[in-house]
């Protein structure tokens, strides 16, 4: 699953240079007749790396307590808008597959750090661990998941 980011460029670019840029970058261009600019959609790889990640099942007793799986990841990226971890629609194998949901960021190119979390009801950890993907690529696999009492 890849995200597309739309960038606007002035039409003043010569058609030859625009064709070369589109071919080289693997982009698709669609003209926008509203304001004399064209939209260029580009595939973007994941702009973040996971510095630390952990997962555990919380089975602590208490009133209305229900066992929950928790996943926490610390991230770094340049100008990356980071929002959440989401359960992937496809769940192949025995692992829990999570996808990084990124927001567009008007960032200034500075290094950004953030922490993302995911939680769901679970009596036991997934036997295949937790796999985190971003931009269609696996960026972290958590194999050891503890049960906390």
N, C-alpha and C. Protein backbone atom coordinates (compact mmCIF):
# COMPACT_ATOMS: atom_id res chain seq x y z
N UNK A 1 0.84 -1.16 0.00
CA UNK A 1 0.00 0.00 0.00
C UNK A 1 0.89 1.22 0.00
N UNK A 2 0.84 2.03 -1.03
CA UNK A 2 1.66 3.23 -1.13
C UNK A 2 0.78 4.45 -1.08
N UNK A 3 1.28 5.49 -0.46
CA UNK A 3 0.55 6.75 -0.40
C UNK A 3 0.93 7.60 -1.58
N UNK A 4 0.01 8.34 -2.07
CA UNK A 4 0.28 9.29 -3.14
C UNK A 4 0.21 10.69 -2.56
N UNK A 5 1.19 11.49 -2.90
CA UNK A 5 1.21 12.87 -2.48
C UNK A 5 1.08 13.72 -3.73
N UNK A 6 0.21 14.68 -3.70
CA UNK A 6 0.00 15.53 -4.86
C UNK A 6 0.79 16.82 -4.70
N UNK A 7 1.54 17.15 -5.72
CA UNK A 7 2.31 18.40 -5.73
C UNK A 7 1.84 19.21 -6.93
N UNK A 8 1.85 20.51 -6.80
CA UNK A 8 1.40 21.38 -7.88
C UNK A 8 2.62 22.07 -8.47
N UNK A 9 2.73 22.02 -9.81
CA UNK A 9 3.83 22.67 -10.50
C UNK A 9 3.27 23.60 -11.57
N UNK A 10 3.90 24.74 -11.83
CA UNK A 10 3.40 25.63 -12.87
C UNK A 10 3.51 25.00 -14.25
N UNK A 11 2.60 25.34 -15.14
CA UNK A 11 2.59 24.83 -16.51
C UNK A 11 3.77 25.36 -17.29
N UNK A 12 4.43 26.39 -16.82
CA UNK A 12 5.51 27.03 -17.55
C UNK A 12 6.67 26.08 -17.85
N UNK A 13 6.76 24.92 -17.20
CA UNK A 13 7.81 23.95 -17.48
C UNK A 13 7.60 23.45 -18.90
N UNK A 14 8.66 23.40 -19.67
CA UNK A 14 8.51 22.93 -21.06
C UNK A 14 8.01 21.50 -21.06
N UNK A 15 7.26 21.15 -22.08
CA UNK A 15 6.66 19.81 -22.14
C UNK A 15 7.72 18.73 -22.22
N UNK A 16 8.86 19.01 -22.84
CA UNK A 16 9.93 18.01 -22.93
C UNK A 16 10.50 17.71 -21.54
N UNK A 17 10.77 18.76 -20.75
CA UNK A 17 11.29 18.55 -19.41
C UNK A 17 10.27 17.86 -18.53
N UNK A 18 9.02 18.24 -18.66
CA UNK A 18 7.96 17.60 -17.87
C UNK A 18 7.86 16.12 -18.21
N UNK A 19 7.96 15.77 -19.49
CA UNK A 19 7.88 14.36 -19.90
C UNK A 19 9.06 13.58 -19.33
N UNK A 20 10.24 14.17 -19.35
CA UNK A 20 11.42 13.49 -18.79
C UNK A 20 11.25 13.30 -17.29
N UNK A 21 10.79 14.33 -16.59
CA UNK A 21 10.60 14.24 -15.14
C UNK A 21 9.58 13.16 -14.80
N UNK A 22 8.49 13.11 -15.54
CA UNK A 22 7.46 12.11 -15.27
C UNK A 22 8.01 10.72 -15.53
N UNK A 23 8.75 10.54 -16.62
CA UNK A 23 9.31 9.22 -16.94
C UNK A 23 10.33 8.80 -15.89
N UNK A 24 11.22 9.70 -15.51
CA UNK A 24 12.28 9.37 -14.55
C UNK A 24 11.74 9.09 -13.17
N UNK A 25 10.74 9.82 -12.72
CA UNK A 25 10.22 9.66 -11.36
C UNK A 25 9.12 8.63 -11.26
N UNK A 26 8.66 8.11 -12.39
CA UNK A 26 7.57 7.15 -12.36
C UNK A 26 6.27 7.81 -11.93
N UNK A 27 6.07 9.08 -12.32
CA UNK A 27 4.91 9.86 -11.90
C UNK A 27 3.85 9.84 -12.99
N UNK A 28 2.67 10.23 -12.59
CA UNK A 28 1.61 10.47 -13.56
C UNK A 28 1.19 11.91 -13.44
N UNK A 29 1.00 12.57 -14.57
CA UNK A 29 0.60 13.98 -14.55
C UNK A 29 -0.80 14.11 -15.12
N UNK A 30 -1.60 14.91 -14.46
CA UNK A 30 -2.93 15.21 -14.97
C UNK A 30 -3.10 16.72 -14.95
N UNK A 31 -3.50 17.29 -16.07
CA UNK A 31 -3.63 18.75 -16.11
C UNK A 31 -4.77 19.23 -15.24
N UNK A 32 -4.58 20.38 -14.65
CA UNK A 32 -5.60 21.04 -13.85
C UNK A 32 -5.92 22.34 -14.56
N UNK A 33 -7.12 22.45 -15.11
CA UNK A 33 -7.47 23.63 -15.90
C UNK A 33 -7.95 24.79 -15.05
N UNK A 34 -8.10 24.61 -13.76
CA UNK A 34 -8.64 25.66 -12.91
C UNK A 34 -7.71 26.85 -12.75
N UNK A 35 -6.42 26.59 -12.50
CA UNK A 35 -5.54 27.71 -12.18
C UNK A 35 -4.23 27.72 -12.96
N UNK A 36 -4.17 27.02 -14.07
CA UNK A 36 -2.97 27.04 -14.89
C UNK A 36 -1.83 26.24 -14.33
N UNK A 37 -2.10 25.25 -13.47
CA UNK A 37 -1.05 24.40 -12.92
C UNK A 37 -1.43 22.97 -13.18
N UNK A 38 -0.45 22.07 -13.11
CA UNK A 38 -0.75 20.66 -13.27
C UNK A 38 -0.45 19.93 -11.97
N UNK A 39 -1.21 18.88 -11.68
CA UNK A 39 -0.99 18.06 -10.50
C UNK A 39 -0.10 16.91 -10.88
N UNK A 40 0.89 16.61 -10.05
CA UNK A 40 1.78 15.48 -10.29
C UNK A 40 1.69 14.57 -9.08
N UNK A 41 1.29 13.32 -9.30
CA UNK A 41 1.18 12.35 -8.20
C UNK A 41 2.44 11.51 -8.19
N UNK A 42 3.06 11.37 -7.04
CA UNK A 42 4.28 10.59 -6.91
C UNK A 42 4.11 9.54 -5.83
N UNK A 43 4.68 8.35 -6.06
CA UNK A 43 4.70 7.34 -5.01
C UNK A 43 5.82 7.71 -4.05
N UNK A 44 5.52 7.65 -2.76
CA UNK A 44 6.48 8.06 -1.75
C UNK A 44 6.74 6.89 -0.81
N UNK A 45 8.02 6.58 -0.59
CA UNK A 45 8.38 5.53 0.37
C UNK A 45 8.14 6.07 1.77
N UNK A 46 8.19 5.19 2.74
CA UNK A 46 7.92 5.59 4.12
C UNK A 46 8.98 6.59 4.59
N UNK A 47 8.56 7.76 5.07
CA UNK A 47 9.52 8.78 5.48
C UNK A 47 9.98 8.64 6.93
N UNK A 48 9.63 7.55 7.61
CA UNK A 48 9.99 7.39 9.01
C UNK A 48 10.74 6.08 9.24
N UNK A 49 11.48 6.05 10.34
CA UNK A 49 12.09 4.81 10.82
C UNK A 49 11.65 4.60 12.25
N UNK A 50 11.54 3.35 12.65
CA UNK A 50 11.18 3.02 14.03
C UNK A 50 12.47 2.87 14.83
N UNK A 51 12.61 3.67 15.88
CA UNK A 51 13.80 3.59 16.72
C UNK A 51 13.64 2.54 17.81
N UNK A 52 12.44 2.43 18.40
CA UNK A 52 12.15 1.38 19.38
C UNK A 52 10.69 0.97 19.21
N UNK A 53 10.41 -0.29 19.53
CA UNK A 53 9.03 -0.78 19.48
C UNK A 53 8.87 -1.90 20.50
N UNK A 54 7.68 -1.97 21.09
CA UNK A 54 7.40 -3.05 22.03
C UNK A 54 5.92 -3.38 21.98
N UNK A 55 5.61 -4.60 22.42
CA UNK A 55 4.22 -5.06 22.48
C UNK A 55 4.05 -5.92 23.71
N UNK A 56 2.86 -5.86 24.33
CA UNK A 56 2.56 -6.69 25.48
C UNK A 56 1.05 -6.85 25.60
N UNK A 57 0.65 -7.90 26.31
CA UNK A 57 -0.75 -8.10 26.64
C UNK A 57 -0.92 -7.76 28.10
N UNK A 58 -1.80 -6.82 28.40
CA UNK A 58 -2.06 -6.39 29.77
C UNK A 58 -3.21 -7.24 30.33
N UNK A 59 -2.89 -8.11 31.31
CA UNK A 59 -3.90 -8.94 31.96
C UNK A 59 -4.00 -8.60 33.44
N UNK A 60 -3.71 -7.35 33.77
CA UNK A 60 -3.78 -6.91 35.16
C UNK A 60 -5.22 -7.03 35.65
N UNK A 61 -5.41 -7.54 36.87
CA UNK A 61 -6.77 -7.68 37.41
C UNK A 61 -7.32 -6.32 37.83
N UNK A 62 -8.61 -6.27 37.97
CA UNK A 62 -9.26 -5.05 38.43
C UNK A 62 -10.71 -5.03 37.96
N UNK A 63 -11.47 -4.09 38.49
CA UNK A 63 -12.88 -4.00 38.08
C UNK A 63 -12.98 -3.70 36.59
N UNK A 64 -13.82 -4.45 35.91
CA UNK A 64 -14.04 -4.29 34.46
C UNK A 64 -12.77 -4.46 33.63
N UNK A 65 -11.78 -5.16 34.16
CA UNK A 65 -10.53 -5.37 33.43
C UNK A 65 -10.73 -6.41 32.33
N UNK A 66 -10.23 -6.11 31.15
CA UNK A 66 -10.25 -7.03 30.01
C UNK A 66 -8.85 -7.06 29.43
N UNK A 67 -8.33 -8.24 29.09
CA UNK A 67 -6.98 -8.32 28.52
C UNK A 67 -6.90 -7.54 27.20
N UNK A 68 -5.83 -6.75 27.06
CA UNK A 68 -5.62 -5.95 25.85
C UNK A 68 -4.20 -6.09 25.36
N UNK A 69 -4.04 -6.17 24.04
CA UNK A 69 -2.73 -6.13 23.41
C UNK A 69 -2.39 -4.66 23.16
N UNK A 70 -1.19 -4.26 23.57
CA UNK A 70 -0.72 -2.88 23.36
C UNK A 70 0.54 -2.92 22.51
N UNK A 71 0.64 -2.02 21.54
CA UNK A 71 1.84 -1.87 20.71
C UNK A 71 2.23 -0.40 20.76
N UNK A 72 3.52 -0.12 21.05
CA UNK A 72 4.03 1.24 21.11
C UNK A 72 5.30 1.30 20.28
N UNK A 73 5.42 2.33 19.42
CA UNK A 73 6.62 2.49 18.60
C UNK A 73 7.07 3.94 18.63
N UNK A 74 8.37 4.14 18.78
CA UNK A 74 8.96 5.49 18.70
C UNK A 74 9.52 5.66 17.29
N UNK A 75 9.21 6.80 16.68
CA UNK A 75 9.55 7.04 15.28
C UNK A 75 10.42 8.27 15.11
N UNK A 76 11.19 8.28 14.02
CA UNK A 76 11.94 9.44 13.58
C UNK A 76 11.75 9.60 12.09
N UNK A 77 11.65 10.84 11.64
CA UNK A 77 11.54 11.11 10.21
C UNK A 77 11.77 12.57 9.94
N UNK A 78 12.15 12.90 8.71
CA UNK A 78 12.38 14.28 8.33
C UNK A 78 11.11 14.83 7.72
N UNK A 79 10.49 15.80 8.40
CA UNK A 79 9.28 16.44 7.91
C UNK A 79 8.12 15.49 7.75
N UNK A 80 8.07 14.43 8.55
CA UNK A 80 7.00 13.45 8.42
C UNK A 80 5.88 13.75 9.39
N UNK A 81 4.66 13.76 8.89
CA UNK A 81 3.50 13.91 9.76
C UNK A 81 3.03 12.52 10.15
N UNK A 82 3.07 12.19 11.41
CA UNK A 82 2.78 10.84 11.85
C UNK A 82 1.50 10.85 12.65
N UNK A 83 0.59 9.93 12.36
CA UNK A 83 -0.64 9.94 13.12
C UNK A 83 -0.81 8.67 13.94
N UNK A 84 -1.13 7.54 13.34
CA UNK A 84 -1.48 6.35 14.12
C UNK A 84 -1.00 5.06 13.48
N UNK A 85 -1.11 4.00 14.27
CA UNK A 85 -0.98 2.64 13.75
C UNK A 85 -2.40 2.12 13.58
N UNK A 86 -2.67 1.48 12.45
CA UNK A 86 -4.00 0.94 12.18
C UNK A 86 -3.87 -0.53 11.81
N UNK A 87 -4.88 -1.31 12.18
CA UNK A 87 -4.93 -2.73 11.83
C UNK A 87 -5.07 -2.84 10.31
N UNK A 88 -4.19 -3.61 9.67
CA UNK A 88 -4.25 -3.80 8.22
C UNK A 88 -5.50 -4.60 7.87
N UNK A 89 -6.05 -4.31 6.70
CA UNK A 89 -7.23 -5.05 6.25
C UNK A 89 -6.91 -6.53 6.05
N UNK A 90 -5.75 -6.82 5.46
CA UNK A 90 -5.32 -8.20 5.25
C UNK A 90 -4.47 -8.64 6.43
N UNK A 91 -4.77 -9.83 6.94
CA UNK A 91 -4.03 -10.38 8.07
C UNK A 91 -3.49 -11.76 7.70
N UNK A 92 -2.45 -11.82 6.83
CA UNK A 92 -1.91 -13.12 6.44
C UNK A 92 -1.13 -13.78 7.58
N UNK A 93 -1.25 -15.09 7.70
CA UNK A 93 -0.49 -15.83 8.70
C UNK A 93 -0.98 -15.59 10.11
N UNK A 94 -0.10 -15.86 11.08
CA UNK A 94 -0.45 -15.79 12.49
C UNK A 94 -0.06 -14.47 13.15
N UNK A 95 0.55 -13.57 12.40
CA UNK A 95 0.99 -12.29 12.97
C UNK A 95 -0.12 -11.25 12.87
N UNK A 96 -0.07 -10.27 13.77
CA UNK A 96 -0.94 -9.10 13.68
C UNK A 96 -0.22 -8.10 12.78
N UNK A 97 -0.87 -7.67 11.72
CA UNK A 97 -0.28 -6.73 10.77
C UNK A 97 -0.88 -5.34 11.00
N UNK A 98 0.01 -4.37 11.28
CA UNK A 98 -0.39 -2.98 11.49
C UNK A 98 0.23 -2.11 10.40
N UNK A 99 -0.50 -1.07 10.01
CA UNK A 99 -0.02 -0.15 8.98
C UNK A 99 0.14 1.24 9.59
N UNK A 100 1.24 1.90 9.23
CA UNK A 100 1.49 3.26 9.68
C UNK A 100 0.60 4.20 8.88
N UNK A 101 -0.21 5.00 9.56
CA UNK A 101 -1.05 6.00 8.90
C UNK A 101 -0.36 7.35 9.03
N UNK A 102 0.05 7.92 7.90
CA UNK A 102 0.80 9.18 7.91
C UNK A 102 -0.08 10.32 7.44
N UNK A 103 0.11 11.48 8.05
CA UNK A 103 -0.58 12.69 7.64
C UNK A 103 0.35 13.49 6.74
N UNK A 104 -0.24 14.27 5.86
CA UNK A 104 0.58 15.20 5.09
C UNK A 104 1.12 16.25 6.06
N UNK A 105 2.33 16.69 5.84
CA UNK A 105 2.93 17.65 6.75
C UNK A 105 3.56 18.76 5.93
N UNK A 106 3.25 19.95 6.30
CA UNK A 106 3.85 21.10 5.63
C UNK A 106 5.24 21.34 6.17
N UNK A 107 5.82 20.33 6.79
CA UNK A 107 7.07 20.43 7.54
C UNK A 107 8.16 21.24 6.89
N UNK A 108 9.08 21.65 7.72
CA UNK A 108 10.17 22.50 7.28
C UNK A 108 11.45 21.69 7.05
N UNK A 109 11.35 20.37 7.00
CA UNK A 109 12.52 19.54 6.77
C UNK A 109 13.28 19.18 8.03
N UNK A 110 12.78 19.60 9.19
CA UNK A 110 13.44 19.26 10.44
C UNK A 110 13.13 17.82 10.83
N UNK A 111 14.00 17.24 11.63
CA UNK A 111 13.80 15.89 12.13
C UNK A 111 12.63 15.90 13.11
N UNK A 112 11.68 14.99 12.90
CA UNK A 112 10.50 14.88 13.74
C UNK A 112 10.56 13.56 14.49
N UNK A 113 10.22 13.58 15.77
CA UNK A 113 10.11 12.34 16.53
C UNK A 113 8.68 12.25 17.06
N UNK A 114 8.19 11.04 17.19
CA UNK A 114 6.83 10.84 17.68
C UNK A 114 6.71 9.44 18.24
N UNK A 115 5.63 9.22 18.96
CA UNK A 115 5.31 7.90 19.47
C UNK A 115 3.91 7.55 18.99
N UNK A 116 3.76 6.35 18.44
CA UNK A 116 2.44 5.90 18.00
C UNK A 116 2.05 4.68 18.81
N UNK A 117 0.75 4.50 18.99
CA UNK A 117 0.23 3.41 19.82
C UNK A 117 -0.91 2.70 19.12
N UNK A 118 -1.07 1.42 19.46
CA UNK A 118 -2.20 0.64 18.99
C UNK A 118 -2.63 -0.27 20.13
N UNK A 119 -3.94 -0.51 20.26
CA UNK A 119 -4.45 -1.37 21.32
C UNK A 119 -5.70 -2.08 20.83
N UNK A 120 -5.86 -3.35 21.22
CA UNK A 120 -7.08 -4.11 20.93
C UNK A 120 -7.28 -5.18 21.99
N UNK A 121 -8.52 -5.64 22.15
CA UNK A 121 -8.80 -6.73 23.08
C UNK A 121 -8.10 -7.99 22.59
N UNK A 122 -7.43 -8.70 23.51
CA UNK A 122 -6.72 -9.92 23.15
C UNK A 122 -6.44 -10.72 24.41
N UNK A 123 -6.84 -12.00 24.43
CA UNK A 123 -6.53 -12.86 25.58
C UNK A 123 -5.08 -13.30 25.59
N UNK A 124 -4.49 -13.43 24.39
CA UNK A 124 -3.11 -13.89 24.26
C UNK A 124 -2.43 -13.13 23.14
N UNK A 125 -1.11 -13.07 23.14
CA UNK A 125 -0.41 -12.39 22.05
C UNK A 125 -0.55 -13.18 20.75
N UNK A 126 -0.50 -12.50 19.60
CA UNK A 126 -0.53 -13.22 18.32
C UNK A 126 0.70 -14.11 18.21
N UNK A 127 0.52 -15.36 17.82
CA UNK A 127 1.64 -16.31 17.81
C UNK A 127 2.72 -15.93 16.80
N UNK A 128 2.37 -15.17 15.78
CA UNK A 128 3.37 -14.76 14.78
C UNK A 128 3.97 -13.40 15.06
N UNK A 129 3.65 -12.80 16.20
CA UNK A 129 4.19 -11.49 16.55
C UNK A 129 3.39 -10.36 15.93
N UNK A 130 4.02 -9.19 15.86
CA UNK A 130 3.40 -8.00 15.28
C UNK A 130 4.30 -7.51 14.15
N UNK A 131 3.69 -7.25 12.99
CA UNK A 131 4.42 -6.75 11.83
C UNK A 131 3.89 -5.35 11.53
N UNK A 132 4.80 -4.35 11.47
CA UNK A 132 4.42 -2.97 11.18
C UNK A 132 4.92 -2.62 9.79
N UNK A 133 4.00 -2.12 8.94
CA UNK A 133 4.37 -1.74 7.59
C UNK A 133 4.11 -0.25 7.37
N UNK A 134 4.82 0.30 6.41
CA UNK A 134 4.65 1.69 6.03
C UNK A 134 5.02 1.81 4.56
N UNK A 135 4.16 2.42 3.78
CA UNK A 135 4.44 2.56 2.35
C UNK A 135 4.54 1.23 1.65
N UNK A 136 3.86 0.20 2.17
CA UNK A 136 3.89 -1.12 1.54
C UNK A 136 5.10 -1.97 1.91
N UNK A 137 5.96 -1.47 2.80
CA UNK A 137 7.18 -2.19 3.18
C UNK A 137 7.17 -2.46 4.68
N UNK A 138 7.60 -3.66 5.08
CA UNK A 138 7.72 -3.99 6.50
C UNK A 138 8.88 -3.19 7.08
N UNK A 139 8.58 -2.40 8.12
CA UNK A 139 9.65 -1.61 8.74
C UNK A 139 10.01 -2.11 10.13
N UNK A 140 9.17 -2.99 10.72
CA UNK A 140 9.50 -3.53 12.04
C UNK A 140 8.70 -4.79 12.29
N UNK A 141 9.34 -5.79 12.88
CA UNK A 141 8.67 -7.00 13.33
C UNK A 141 8.97 -7.17 14.81
N UNK A 142 7.92 -7.31 15.61
CA UNK A 142 8.08 -7.53 17.05
C UNK A 142 7.74 -8.99 17.29
N UNK A 143 8.74 -9.77 17.67
CA UNK A 143 8.54 -11.21 17.86
C UNK A 143 8.25 -11.58 19.30
N UNK A 144 8.81 -10.83 20.24
CA UNK A 144 8.62 -11.14 21.67
C UNK A 144 7.53 -10.25 22.23
N UNK A 145 6.44 -10.88 22.66
CA UNK A 145 5.32 -10.15 23.25
C UNK A 145 5.04 -10.75 24.62
N UNK A 146 5.24 -9.94 25.65
CA UNK A 146 5.07 -10.42 27.02
C UNK A 146 3.61 -10.31 27.46
N UNK A 147 3.27 -11.13 28.45
CA UNK A 147 1.97 -11.03 29.11
C UNK A 147 2.24 -10.45 30.49
N UNK A 148 1.58 -9.33 30.80
CA UNK A 148 1.79 -8.63 32.07
C UNK A 148 0.60 -8.92 32.97
N UNK A 149 0.91 -9.41 34.22
CA UNK A 149 -0.14 -9.71 35.20
C UNK A 149 -0.14 -8.71 36.32
